[in-house]
Amino acid sequence: MSKGSIHDFKLYKDTCPYWLPDNAKLLADSGYQGIAKLHEQSFTPFKKPHGGQLLELCKQANQYLAKFRIMVEHKIGLIKRFKIVAHKYRNRRQRYDLRMKLFASIVNFELGL
């Protein structure tokens, strides 16, 4: 959590490379272009070249990546049902991580994970 508005990739660059294991795999959206320079096991969608077309293999890879990412996006949506997460957080910052873990645990319990 950070104070104010900040882009997700900037937040990642400032925090994650220091605690993320090297063997972890990252599935990211196109907003994370350039993440491969920081983390080898990262996968972002292929972009269409300017004035060209994507190869069929690249399109299939993008669809495969999207299938995995949509599951994560749906879980984020379930967590946002807790309005404390969907709106501006106004409680003590030191308890934010604890509350997020609690909400994630509830969602995982409901999904049987």
PDB file of N, CA and C in Angstrom:
ATOM      1  N   MET A   1       0.847  -1.170   0.000  1.00  0.00           N
ATOM      2  CA  MET A   1       0.000   0.000   0.000  1.00  0.00           C
ATOM      3  C   MET A   1       0.888   1.227   0.000  1.00  0.00           C
ATOM      4  N   SER A   2       0.510   2.214  -0.748  1.00  0.00           N
ATOM      5  CA  SER A   2       1.294   3.431  -0.808  1.00  0.00           C
ATOM      6  C   SER A   2       0.377   4.627  -0.595  1.00  0.00           C
ATOM      7  N   LYS A   3       0.979   5.715  -0.231  1.00  0.00           N
ATOM      8  CA  LYS A   3       0.199   6.940  -0.060  1.00  0.00           C
ATOM      9  C   LYS A   3      -0.038   7.559  -1.428  1.00  0.00           C
ATOM     10  N   GLY A   4      -1.255   7.915  -1.718  1.00  0.00           N
ATOM     11  CA  GLY A   4      -1.576   8.588  -2.965  1.00  0.00           C
ATOM     12  C   GLY A   4      -1.678   7.653  -4.145  1.00  0.00           C
ATOM     13  N   SER A   5      -1.867   8.242  -5.315  1.00  0.00           N
ATOM     14  CA  SER A   5      -2.024   7.497  -6.550  1.00  0.00           C
ATOM     15  C   SER A   5      -0.649   7.149  -7.118  1.00  0.00           C
ATOM     16  N   ILE A   6      -0.471   5.885  -7.476  1.00  0.00           N
ATOM     17  CA  ILE A   6       0.801   5.435  -8.024  1.00  0.00           C
ATOM     18  C   ILE A   6       0.534   4.285  -8.992  1.00  0.00           C
ATOM     19  N   HIS A   7       1.272   4.229 -10.092  1.00  0.00           N
ATOM     20  CA  HIS A   7       1.092   3.173 -11.082  1.00  0.00           C
ATOM     21  C   HIS A   7       1.573   1.845 -10.496  1.00  0.00           C
ATOM     22  N   ASP A   8       0.867   0.762 -10.828  1.00  0.00           N
ATOM     23  CA  ASP A   8       1.182  -0.558 -10.292  1.00  0.00           C
ATOM     24  C   ASP A   8       2.620  -0.984 -10.599  1.00  0.00           C
ATOM     25  N   PHE A   9       3.091  -0.719 -11.801  1.00  0.00           N
ATOM     26  CA  PHE A   9       4.430  -1.147 -12.187  1.00  0.00           C
ATOM     27  C   PHE A   9       5.488  -0.390 -11.389  1.00  0.00           C
ATOM     28  N   LYS A  10       5.268   0.882 -11.133  1.00  0.00           N
ATOM     29  CA  LYS A  10       6.205   1.659 -10.310  1.00  0.00           C
ATOM     30  C   LYS A  10       6.239   1.099  -8.893  1.00  0.00           C
ATOM     31  N   LEU A  11       5.077   0.756  -8.369  1.00  0.00           N
ATOM     32  CA  LEU A  11       5.010   0.169  -7.038  1.00  0.00           C
ATOM     33  C   LEU A  11       5.749  -1.166  -7.016  1.00  0.00           C
ATOM     34  N   TYR A  12       5.589  -1.956  -8.085  1.00  0.00           N
ATOM     35  CA  TYR A  12       6.305  -3.234  -8.188  1.00  0.00           C
ATOM     36  C   TYR A  12       7.812  -3.000  -8.188  1.00  0.00           C
ATOM     37  N   LYS A  13       8.274  -2.060  -9.007  1.00  0.00           N
ATOM     38  CA  LYS A  13       9.710  -1.800  -9.102  1.00  0.00           C
ATOM     39  C   LYS A  13      10.280  -1.339  -7.767  1.00  0.00           C
ATOM     40  N   ASP A  14       9.483  -0.614  -6.995  1.00  0.00           N
ATOM     41  CA  ASP A  14       9.964  -0.101  -5.718  1.00  0.00           C
ATOM     42  C   ASP A  14       9.979  -1.154  -4.614  1.00  0.00           C
ATOM     43  N   THR A  15       9.144  -2.197  -4.728  1.00  0.00           N
ATOM     44  CA  THR A  15       9.019  -3.136  -3.611  1.00  0.00           C
ATOM     45  C   THR A  15       9.309  -4.589  -3.967  1.00  0.00           C
ATOM     46  N   CYS A  16       8.710  -5.121  -5.003  1.00  0.00           N
ATOM     47  CA  CYS A  16       8.717  -6.571  -5.248  1.00  0.00           C
ATOM     48  C   CYS A  16      10.060  -7.189  -5.573  1.00  0.00           C
ATOM     49  N   PRO A  17      10.926  -6.575  -6.340  1.00  0.00           N
ATOM     50  CA  PRO A  17      12.177  -7.279  -6.669  1.00  0.00           C
ATOM     51  C   PRO A  17      12.979  -7.690  -5.437  1.00  0.00           C
ATOM     52  N   TYR A  18      12.694  -7.078  -4.299  1.00  0.00           N
ATOM     53  CA  TYR A  18      13.469  -7.375  -3.103  1.00  0.00           C
ATOM     54  C   TYR A  18      12.939  -8.569  -2.326  1.00  0.00           C
ATOM     55  N   TRP A  19      11.683  -8.918  -2.498  1.00  0.00           N
ATOM     56  CA  TRP A  19      11.135 -10.030  -1.716  1.00  0.00           C
ATOM     57  C   TRP A  19      10.579 -11.165  -2.554  1.00  0.00           C
ATOM     58  N   LEU A  20      10.458 -11.002  -3.837  1.00  0.00           N
ATOM     59  CA  LEU A  20       9.874 -12.025  -4.693  1.00  0.00           C
ATOM     60  C   LEU A  20      10.914 -13.096  -5.018  1.00  0.00           C
ATOM     61  N   PRO A  21      10.593 -14.382  -4.821  1.00  0.00           N
ATOM     62  CA  PRO A  21      11.560 -15.447  -5.141  1.00  0.00           C
ATOM     63  C   PRO A  21      11.895 -15.468  -6.635  1.00  0.00           C
ATOM     64  N   ASP A  22      13.108 -15.884  -6.967  1.00  0.00           N
ATOM     65  CA  ASP A  22      13.560 -15.922  -8.358  1.00  0.00           C
ATOM     66  C   ASP A  22      12.777 -16.926  -9.201  1.00  0.00           C
ATOM     67  N   ASN A  23      12.290 -18.006  -8.584  1.00  0.00           N
ATOM     68  CA  ASN A  23      11.581 -19.027  -9.350  1.00  0.00           C
ATOM     69  C   ASN A  23      10.079 -18.744  -9.484  1.00  0.00           C
ATOM     70  N   ALA A  24       9.599 -17.630  -8.938  1.00  0.00           N
ATOM     71  CA  ALA A  24       8.183 -17.274  -9.052  1.00  0.00           C
ATOM     72  C   ALA A  24       7.877 -16.831 -10.484  1.00  0.00           C
ATOM     73  N   LYS A  25       6.699 -17.203 -10.967  1.00  0.00           N
ATOM     74  CA  LYS A  25       6.276 -16.815 -12.308  1.00  0.00           C
ATOM     75  C   LYS A  25       5.260 -15.694 -12.201  1.00  0.00           C
ATOM     76  N   LEU A  26       5.406 -14.681 -13.045  1.00  0.00           N
ATOM     77  CA  LEU A  26       4.506 -13.536 -13.039  1.00  0.00           C
ATOM     78  C   LEU A  26       3.693 -13.506 -14.318  1.00  0.00           C
ATOM     79  N   LEU A  27       2.392 -13.372 -14.188  1.00  0.00           N
ATOM     80  CA  LEU A  27       1.507 -13.166 -15.325  1.00  0.00           C
ATOM     81  C   LEU A  27       1.006 -11.736 -15.218  1.00  0.00           C
ATOM     82  N   ALA A  28       1.384 -10.903 -16.157  1.00  0.00           N
ATOM     83  CA  ALA A  28       1.075  -9.483 -16.064  1.00  0.00           C
ATOM     84  C   ALA A  28       0.342  -9.002 -17.308  1.00  0.00           C
ATOM     85  N   ASP A  29      -0.288  -7.841 -17.185  1.00  0.00           N
ATOM     86  CA  ASP A  29      -0.944  -7.250 -18.348  1.00  0.00           C
ATOM     87  C   ASP A  29       0.040  -6.331 -19.068  1.00  0.00           C
ATOM     88  N   SER A  30      -0.420  -5.695 -20.120  1.00  0.00           N
ATOM     89  CA  SER A  30       0.482  -4.901 -20.957  1.00  0.00           C
ATOM     90  C   SER A  30       0.992  -3.647 -20.251  1.00  0.00           C
ATOM     91  N   GLY A  31       0.422  -3.288 -19.114  1.00  0.00           N
ATOM     92  CA  GLY A  31       0.919  -2.156 -18.341  1.00  0.00           C
ATOM     93  C   GLY A  31       2.272  -2.426 -17.709  1.00  0.00           C
ATOM     94  N   TYR A  32       2.690  -3.680 -17.714  1.00  0.00           N
ATOM     95  CA  TYR A  32       3.959  -4.076 -17.122  1.00  0.00           C
ATOM     96  C   TYR A  32       5.019  -4.350 -18.179  1.00  0.00           C
ATOM     97  N   GLN A  33       4.952  -3.707 -19.332  1.00  0.00           N
ATOM     98  CA  GLN A  33       5.959  -3.880 -20.365  1.00  0.00           C
ATOM     99  C   GLN A  33       7.321  -3.506 -19.792  1.00  0.00           C
ATOM    100  N   GLY A  34       8.289  -4.365 -19.969  1.00  0.00           N
ATOM    101  CA  GLY A  34       9.629  -4.128 -19.444  1.00  0.00           C
ATOM    102  C   GLY A  34       9.904  -4.860 -18.149  1.00  0.00           C
ATOM    103  N   ILE A  35       8.931  -5.608 -17.648  1.00  0.00           N
ATOM    104  CA  ILE A  35       9.127  -6.317 -16.383  1.00  0.00           C
ATOM    105  C   ILE A  35      10.132  -7.455 -16.538  1.00  0.00           C
ATOM    106  N   ALA A  36      10.303  -7.958 -17.757  1.00  0.00           N
ATOM    107  CA  ALA A  36      11.248  -9.060 -17.992  1.00  0.00           C
ATOM    108  C   ALA A  36      12.679  -8.642 -17.659  1.00  0.00           C
ATOM    109  N   LYS A  37      12.969  -7.357 -17.696  1.00  0.00           N
ATOM    110  CA  LYS A  37      14.310  -6.888 -17.330  1.00  0.00           C
ATOM    111  C   LYS A  37      14.554  -7.050 -15.832  1.00  0.00           C
ATOM    112  N   LEU A  38      13.473  -7.026 -15.039  1.00  0.00           N
ATOM    113  CA  LEU A  38      13.592  -7.146 -13.592  1.00  0.00           C
ATOM    114  C   LEU A  38      13.373  -8.568 -13.093  1.00  0.00           C
ATOM    115  N   HIS A  39      12.580  -9.331 -13.826  1.00  0.00           N
ATOM    116  CA  HIS A  39      12.221 -10.680 -13.382  1.00  0.00           C
ATOM    117  C   HIS A  39      12.144 -11.596 -14.602  1.00  0.00           C
ATOM    118  N   GLU A  40      12.979 -12.624 -14.633  1.00  0.00           N
ATOM    119  CA  GLU A  40      13.071 -13.493 -15.815  1.00  0.00           C
ATOM    120  C   GLU A  40      11.794 -14.271 -16.080  1.00  0.00           C
ATOM    121  N   GLN A  41      11.133 -14.760 -15.055  1.00  0.00           N
ATOM    122  CA  GLN A  41       9.951 -15.609 -15.214  1.00  0.00           C
ATOM    123  C   GLN A  41       8.670 -14.780 -15.286  1.00  0.00           C
ATOM    124  N   SER A  42       8.660 -13.760 -16.110  1.00  0.00           N
ATOM    125  CA  SER A  42       7.467 -12.917 -16.256  1.00  0.00           C
ATOM    126  C   SER A  42       6.916 -13.059 -17.673  1.00  0.00           C
ATOM    127  N   PHE A  43       5.602 -12.992 -17.771  1.00  0.00           N
ATOM    128  CA  PHE A  43       4.925 -13.158 -19.050  1.00  0.00           C
ATOM    129  C   PHE A  43       3.932 -12.019 -19.240  1.00  0.00           C
ATOM    130  N   THR A  44       4.111 -11.268 -20.304  1.00  0.00           N
ATOM    131  CA  THR A  44       3.184 -10.196 -20.667  1.00  0.00           C
ATOM    132  C   THR A  44       2.678 -10.469 -22.074  1.00  0.00           C
ATOM    133  N   PRO A  45       1.523  -9.916 -22.422  1.00  0.00           N
ATOM    134  CA  PRO A  45       0.989 -10.167 -23.767  1.00  0.00           C
ATOM    135  C   PRO A  45       1.899  -9.583 -24.851  1.00  0.00           C
ATOM    136  N   PHE A  46       1.873 -10.229 -26.000  1.00  0.00           N
ATOM    137  CA  PHE A  46       2.596  -9.702 -27.160  1.00  0.00           C
ATOM    138  C   PHE A  46       1.815  -8.521 -27.715  1.00  0.00           C
ATOM    139  N   LYS A  47       2.545  -7.501 -28.132  1.00  0.00           N
ATOM    140  CA  LYS A  47       1.905  -6.342 -28.739  1.00  0.00           C
ATOM    141  C   LYS A  47       2.026  -6.426 -30.259  1.00  0.00           C
ATOM    142  N   LYS A  48       0.999  -5.952 -30.931  1.00  0.00           N
ATOM    143  CA  LYS A  48       1.023  -5.924 -32.386  1.00  0.00           C
ATOM    144  C   LYS A  48       2.063  -4.898 -32.844  1.00  0.00           C
ATOM    145  N   PRO A  49       2.946  -5.273 -33.764  1.00  0.00           N
ATOM    146  CA  PRO A  49       3.926  -4.298 -34.249  1.00  0.00           C
ATOM    147  C   PRO A  49       3.229  -3.168 -35.006  1.00  0.00           C
ATOM    148  N   HIS A  50       3.792  -1.991 -34.940  1.00  0.00           N
ATOM    149  CA  HIS A  50       3.213  -0.833 -35.611  1.00  0.00           C
ATOM    150  C   HIS A  50       3.120  -1.093 -37.116  1.00  0.00           C
ATOM    151  N   GLY A  51       1.910  -1.049 -37.635  1.00  0.00           N
ATOM    152  CA  GLY A  51       1.691  -1.268 -39.060  1.00  0.00           C
ATOM    153  C   GLY A  51       1.766  -2.724 -39.482  1.00  0.00           C
ATOM    154  N   GLY A  52       1.759  -3.646 -38.543  1.00  0.00           N
ATOM    155  CA  GLY A  52       1.869  -5.063 -38.877  1.00  0.00           C
ATOM    156  C   GLY A  52       0.777  -5.890 -38.225  1.00  0.00           C
ATOM    157  N   GLN A  53       0.978  -7.179 -38.237  1.00  0.00           N
ATOM    158  CA  GLN A  53       0.023  -8.122 -37.653  1.00  0.00           C
ATOM    159  C   GLN A  53       0.764  -9.031 -36.680  1.00  0.00           C
ATOM    160  N   LEU A  54       0.037  -9.535 -35.697  1.00  0.00           N
ATOM    161  CA  LEU A  54       0.607 -10.518 -34.786  1.00  0.00           C
ATOM    162  C   LEU A  54       0.610 -11.891 -35.452  1.00  0.00           C
ATOM    163  N   LEU A  55       1.627 -12.664 -35.193  1.00  0.00           N
ATOM    164  CA  LEU A  55       1.660 -14.042 -35.660  1.00  0.00           C
ATOM    165  C   LEU A  55       0.576 -14.837 -34.931  1.00  0.00           C
ATOM    166  N   GLU A  56       0.105 -15.889 -35.554  1.00  0.00           N
ATOM    167  CA  GLU A  56      -0.946 -16.714 -34.952  1.00  0.00           C
ATOM    168  C   GLU A  56      -0.470 -17.312 -33.627  1.00  0.00           C
ATOM    169  N   LEU A  57       0.794 -17.684 -33.550  1.00  0.00           N
ATOM    170  CA  LEU A  57       1.341 -18.242 -32.323  1.00  0.00           C
ATOM    171  C   LEU A  57       1.292 -17.203 -31.185  1.00  0.00           C
ATOM    172  N   CYS A  58       1.579 -15.949 -31.510  1.00  0.00           N
ATOM    173  CA  CYS A  58       1.519 -14.881 -30.510  1.00  0.00           C
ATOM    174  C   CYS A  58       0.083 -14.650 -30.044  1.00  0.00           C
ATOM    175  N   LYS A  59      -0.867 -14.722 -30.963  1.00  0.00           N
ATOM    176  CA  LYS A  59      -2.279 -14.570 -30.594  1.00  0.00           C
ATOM    177  C   LYS A  59      -2.704 -15.682 -29.650  1.00  0.00           C
ATOM    178  N   GLN A  60      -2.277 -16.902 -29.938  1.00  0.00           N
ATOM    179  CA  GLN A  60      -2.619 -18.035 -29.078  1.00  0.00           C
ATOM    180  C   GLN A  60      -1.983 -17.878 -27.695  1.00  0.00           C
ATOM    181  N   ALA A  61      -0.757 -17.396 -27.663  1.00  0.00           N
ATOM    182  CA  ALA A  61      -0.084 -17.173 -26.385  1.00  0.00           C
ATOM    183  C   ALA A  61      -0.816 -16.108 -25.575  1.00  0.00           C
ATOM    184  N   ASN A  62      -1.278 -15.049 -26.237  1.00  0.00           N
ATOM    185  CA  ASN A  62      -2.039 -14.001 -25.550  1.00  0.00           C
ATOM    186  C   ASN A  62      -3.346 -14.545 -24.987  1.00  0.00           C
ATOM    187  N   GLN A  63      -4.027 -15.406 -25.736  1.00  0.00           N
ATOM    188  CA  GLN A  63      -5.275 -15.998 -25.254  1.00  0.00           C
ATOM    189  C   GLN A  63      -5.008 -16.912 -24.062  1.00  0.00           C
ATOM    190  N   TYR A  64      -3.942 -17.668 -24.107  1.00  0.00           N
ATOM    191  CA  TYR A  64      -3.573 -18.565 -23.017  1.00  0.00           C
ATOM    192  C   TYR A  64      -3.284 -17.762 -21.747  1.00  0.00           C
ATOM    193  N   LEU A  65      -2.537 -16.675 -21.905  1.00  0.00           N
ATOM    194  CA  LEU A  65      -2.227 -15.799 -20.783  1.00  0.00           C
ATOM    195  C   LEU A  65      -3.495 -15.164 -20.220  1.00  0.00           C
ATOM    196  N   ALA A  66      -4.396 -14.752 -21.086  1.00  0.00           N
ATOM    197  CA  ALA A  66      -5.642 -14.108 -20.652  1.00  0.00           C
ATOM    198  C   ALA A  66      -6.516 -15.075 -19.852  1.00  0.00           C
ATOM    199  N   LYS A  67      -6.501 -16.356 -20.190  1.00  0.00           N
ATOM    200  CA  LYS A  67      -7.297 -17.346 -19.451  1.00  0.00           C
ATOM    201  C   LYS A  67      -6.843 -17.454 -18.003  1.00  0.00           C
ATOM    202  N   PHE A  68      -5.543 -17.375 -17.781  1.00  0.00           N
ATOM    203  CA  PHE A  68      -5.041 -17.430 -16.409  1.00  0.00           C
ATOM    204  C   PHE A  68      -5.283 -16.123 -15.674  1.00  0.00           C
ATOM    205  N   ARG A  69      -5.071 -15.013 -16.358  1.00  0.00           N
ATOM    206  CA  ARG A  69      -5.227 -13.706 -15.722  1.00  0.00           C
ATOM    207  C   ARG A  69      -6.672 -13.420 -15.337  1.00  0.00           C
ATOM    208  N   ILE A  70      -7.637 -13.917 -16.103  1.00  0.00           N
ATOM    209  CA  ILE A  70      -9.035 -13.617 -15.807  1.00  0.00           C
ATOM    210  C   ILE A  70      -9.451 -14.238 -14.480  1.00  0.00           C
ATOM    211  N   MET A  71      -8.869 -15.381 -14.136  1.00  0.00           N
ATOM    212  CA  MET A  71      -9.177 -15.993 -12.839  1.00  0.00           C
ATOM    213  C   MET A  71      -8.736 -15.074 -11.701  1.00  0.00           C
ATOM    214  N   VAL A  72      -7.577 -14.476 -11.847  1.00  0.00           N
ATOM    215  CA  VAL A  72      -7.072 -13.554 -10.835  1.00  0.00           C
ATOM    216  C   VAL A  72      -7.953 -12.310 -10.770  1.00  0.00           C
ATOM    217  N   GLU A  73      -8.322 -11.776 -11.921  1.00  0.00           N
ATOM    218  CA  GLU A  73      -9.176 -10.584 -11.953  1.00  0.00           C
ATOM    219  C   GLU A  73     -10.524 -10.859 -11.291  1.00  0.00           C
ATOM    220  N   HIS A  74     -11.075 -12.048 -11.485  1.00  0.00           N
ATOM    221  CA  HIS A  74     -12.347 -12.394 -10.851  1.00  0.00           C
ATOM    222  C   HIS A  74     -12.205 -12.462  -9.330  1.00  0.00           C
ATOM    223  N   LYS A  75     -11.080 -12.985  -8.864  1.00  0.00           N
ATOM    224  CA  LYS A  75     -10.857 -13.047  -7.417  1.00  0.00           C
ATOM    225  C   LYS A  75     -10.680 -11.658  -6.831  1.00  0.00           C
ATOM    226  N   ILE A  76     -10.021 -10.781  -7.550  1.00  0.00           N
ATOM    227  CA  ILE A  76      -9.894  -9.397  -7.091  1.00  0.00           C
ATOM    228  C   ILE A  76     -11.282  -8.767  -6.993  1.00  0.00           C
ATOM    229  N   GLY A  77     -12.140  -9.056  -7.960  1.00  0.00           N
ATOM    230  CA  GLY A  77     -13.509  -8.555  -7.922  1.00  0.00           C
ATOM    231  C   GLY A  77     -14.277  -9.068  -6.715  1.00  0.00           C
ATOM    232  N   LEU A  78     -14.062 -10.336  -6.355  1.00  0.00           N
ATOM    233  CA  LEU A  78     -14.713 -10.887  -5.166  1.00  0.00           C
ATOM    234  C   LEU A  78     -14.224 -10.202  -3.893  1.00  0.00           C
ATOM    235  N   ILE A  79     -12.924  -9.923  -3.843  1.00  0.00           N
ATOM    236  CA  ILE A  79     -12.371  -9.240  -2.670  1.00  0.00           C
ATOM    237  C   ILE A  79     -12.942  -7.829  -2.570  1.00  0.00           C
ATOM    238  N   LYS A  80     -13.185  -7.182  -3.707  1.00  0.00           N
ATOM    239  CA  LYS A  80     -13.714  -5.815  -3.691  1.00  0.00           C
ATOM    240  C   LYS A  80     -15.172  -5.741  -3.252  1.00  0.00           C
ATOM    241  N   ARG A  81     -15.805  -6.892  -3.064  1.00  0.00           N
ATOM    242  CA  ARG A  81     -17.148  -6.874  -2.480  1.00  0.00           C
ATOM    243  C   ARG A  81     -17.111  -6.366  -1.054  1.00  0.00           C
ATOM    244  N   PHE A  82     -15.960  -6.524  -0.412  1.00  0.00           N
ATOM    245  CA  PHE A  82     -15.769  -5.919   0.894  1.00  0.00           C
ATOM    246  C   PHE A  82     -15.493  -4.439   0.632  1.00  0.00           C
ATOM    247  N   LYS A  83     -16.428  -3.602   0.930  1.00  0.00           N
ATOM    248  CA  LYS A  83     -16.350  -2.185   0.546  1.00  0.00           C
ATOM    249  C   LYS A  83     -15.129  -1.475   1.115  1.00  0.00           C
ATOM    250  N   ILE A  84     -14.583  -1.996   2.213  1.00  0.00           N
ATOM    251  CA  ILE A  84     -13.393  -1.384   2.783  1.00  0.00           C
ATOM    252  C   ILE A  84     -12.212  -1.462   1.807  1.00  0.00           C
ATOM    253  N   VAL A  85     -12.233  -2.450   0.917  1.00  0.00           N
ATOM    254  CA  VAL A  85     -11.167  -2.624  -0.069  1.00  0.00           C
ATOM    255  C   VAL A  85     -11.456  -1.809  -1.322  1.00  0.00           C
ATOM    256  N   ALA A  86     -12.723  -1.694  -1.687  1.00  0.00           N
ATOM    257  CA  ALA A  86     -13.093  -1.033  -2.929  1.00  0.00           C
ATOM    258  C   ALA A  86     -12.982   0.494  -2.841  1.00  0.00           C
ATOM    259  N   HIS A  87     -13.046   1.036  -1.642  1.00  0.00           N
ATOM    260  CA  HIS A  87     -13.009   2.485  -1.464  1.00  0.00           C
ATOM    261  C   HIS A  87     -11.717   2.908  -0.772  1.00  0.00           C
ATOM    262  N   LYS A  88     -11.577   4.189  -0.558  1.00  0.00           N
ATOM    263  CA  LYS A  88     -10.387   4.724   0.087  1.00  0.00           C
ATOM    264  C   LYS A  88     -10.269   4.145   1.496  1.00  0.00           C
ATOM    265  N   TYR A  89      -9.084   3.650   1.806  1.00  0.00           N
ATOM    266  CA  TYR A  89      -8.836   3.053   3.119  1.00  0.00           C
ATOM    267  C   TYR A  89      -8.614   4.154   4.138  1.00  0.00           C
ATOM    268  N   ARG A  90      -9.422   4.188   5.187  1.00  0.00           N
ATOM    269  CA  ARG A  90      -9.362   5.280   6.161  1.00  0.00           C
ATOM    270  C   ARG A  90      -8.968   4.824   7.557  1.00  0.00           C
ATOM    271  N   ASN A  91      -8.552   3.585   7.698  1.00  0.00           N
ATOM    272  CA  ASN A  91      -8.154   3.081   9.008  1.00  0.00           C
ATOM    273  C   ASN A  91      -6.644   3.140   9.153  1.00  0.00           C
ATOM    274  N   ARG A  92      -6.146   2.542  10.221  1.00  0.00           N
ATOM    275  CA  ARG A  92      -4.702   2.538  10.462  1.00  0.00           C
ATOM    276  C   ARG A  92      -3.982   1.753   9.376  1.00  0.00           C
ATOM    277  N   ARG A  93      -2.929   2.345   8.843  1.00  0.00           N
ATOM    278  CA  ARG A  93      -2.181   1.706   7.757  1.00  0.00           C
ATOM    279  C   ARG A  93      -1.486   0.435   8.232  1.00  0.00           C
ATOM    280  N   GLN A  94      -1.120   0.362   9.503  1.00  0.00           N
ATOM    281  CA  GLN A  94      -0.379  -0.800   9.989  1.00  0.00           C
ATOM    282  C   GLN A  94      -1.228  -2.068   9.976  1.00  0.00           C
ATOM    283  N   ARG A  95      -2.536  -1.950   9.908  1.00  0.00           N
ATOM    284  CA  ARG A  95      -3.402  -3.131   9.901  1.00  0.00           C
ATOM    285  C   ARG A  95      -3.932  -3.462   8.510  1.00  0.00           C
ATOM    286  N   TYR A  96      -3.532  -2.725   7.499  1.00  0.00           N
ATOM    287  CA  TYR A  96      -4.032  -2.940   6.141  1.00  0.00           C
ATOM    288  C   TYR A  96      -3.687  -4.344   5.637  1.00  0.00           C
ATOM    289  N   ASP A  97      -2.426  -4.760   5.780  1.00  0.00           N
ATOM    290  CA  ASP A  97      -2.007  -6.083   5.304  1.00  0.00           C
ATOM    291  C   ASP A  97      -2.797  -7.194   5.987  1.00  0.00           C
ATOM    292  N   LEU A  98      -2.997  -7.064   7.295  1.00  0.00           N
ATOM    293  CA  LEU A  98      -3.756  -8.063   8.038  1.00  0.00           C
ATOM    294  C   LEU A  98      -5.181  -8.177   7.502  1.00  0.00           C
ATOM    295  N   ARG A  99      -5.809  -7.055   7.243  1.00  0.00           N
ATOM    296  CA  ARG A  99      -7.187  -7.066   6.743  1.00  0.00           C
ATOM    297  C   ARG A  99      -7.262  -7.632   5.327  1.00  0.00           C
ATOM    298  N   MET A 100      -6.296  -7.284   4.479  1.00  0.00           N
ATOM    299  CA  MET A 100      -6.298  -7.827   3.122  1.00  0.00           C
ATOM    300  C   MET A 100      -6.126  -9.345   3.145  1.00  0.00           C
ATOM    301  N   LYS A 101      -5.266  -9.847   4.005  1.00  0.00           N
ATOM    302  CA  LYS A 101      -5.088 -11.300   4.137  1.00  0.00           C
ATOM    303  C   LYS A 101      -6.377 -11.953   4.632  1.00  0.00           C
ATOM    304  N   LEU A 102      -7.069 -11.280   5.531  1.00  0.00           N
ATOM    305  CA  LEU A 102      -8.336 -11.806   6.033  1.00  0.00           C
ATOM    306  C   LEU A 102      -9.368 -11.904   4.907  1.00  0.00           C
ATOM    307  N   PHE A 103      -9.500 -10.844   4.111  1.00  0.00           N
ATOM    308  CA  PHE A 103     -10.465 -10.856   2.993  1.00  0.00           C
ATOM    309  C   PHE A 103     -10.102 -11.921   1.967  1.00  0.00           C
ATOM    310  N   ALA A 104      -8.810 -12.027   1.643  1.00  0.00           N
ATOM    311  CA  ALA A 104      -8.367 -13.035   0.688  1.00  0.00           C
ATOM    312  C   ALA A 104      -8.646 -14.446   1.225  1.00  0.00           C
ATOM    313  N   SER A 105      -8.442 -14.652   2.510  1.00  0.00           N
ATOM    314  CA  SER A 105      -8.714 -15.952   3.128  1.00  0.00           C
ATOM    315  C   SER A 105     -10.189 -16.300   3.057  1.00  0.00           C
ATOM    316  N   ILE A 106     -11.046 -15.324   3.306  1.00  0.00           N
ATOM    317  CA  ILE A 106     -12.485 -15.557   3.230  1.00  0.00           C
ATOM    318  C   ILE A 106     -12.885 -15.954   1.811  1.00  0.00           C
ATOM    319  N   VAL A 107     -12.374 -15.238   0.818  1.00  0.00           N
ATOM    320  CA  VAL A 107     -12.686 -15.555  -0.579  1.00  0.00           C
ATOM    321  C   VAL A 107     -12.176 -16.952  -0.933  1.00  0.00           C
ATOM    322  N   ASN A 108     -10.941 -17.264  -0.541  1.00  0.00           N
ATOM    323  CA  ASN A 108     -10.396 -18.591  -0.831  1.00  0.00           C
ATOM    324  C   ASN A 108     -11.196 -19.688  -0.125  1.00  0.00           C
ATOM    325  N   PHE A 109     -11.642 -19.436   1.097  1.00  0.00           N
ATOM    326  CA  PHE A 109     -12.448 -20.416   1.818  1.00  0.00           C
ATOM    327  C   PHE A 109     -13.776 -20.655   1.092  1.00  0.00           C
ATOM    328  N   GLU A 110     -14.407 -19.564   0.645  1.00  0.00           N
ATOM    329  CA  GLU A 110     -15.686 -19.691  -0.078  1.00  0.00           C
ATOM    330  C   GLU A 110     -15.518 -20.438  -1.392  1.00  0.00           C
ATOM    331  N   LEU A 111     -14.380 -20.267  -2.051  1.00  0.00           N
ATOM    332  CA  LEU A 111     -14.123 -20.940  -3.322  1.00  0.00           C
ATOM    333  C   LEU A 111     -13.607 -22.366  -3.130  1.00  0.00           C
ATOM    334  N   GLY A 112     -13.311 -22.725  -1.891  1.00  0.00           N
ATOM    335  CA  GLY A 112     -12.811 -24.072  -1.614  1.00  0.00           C
ATOM    336  C   GLY A 112     -11.353 -24.244  -1.959  1.00  0.00           C
ATOM    337  N   LEU A 113     -10.575 -23.173  -1.901  1.00  0.00           N
ATOM    338  CA  LEU A 113      -9.143 -23.259  -2.220  1.00  0.00           C
ATOM    339  C   LEU A 113      -8.314 -23.449  -0.971  1.00  0.00           C
TER     340      LEU A 113
END
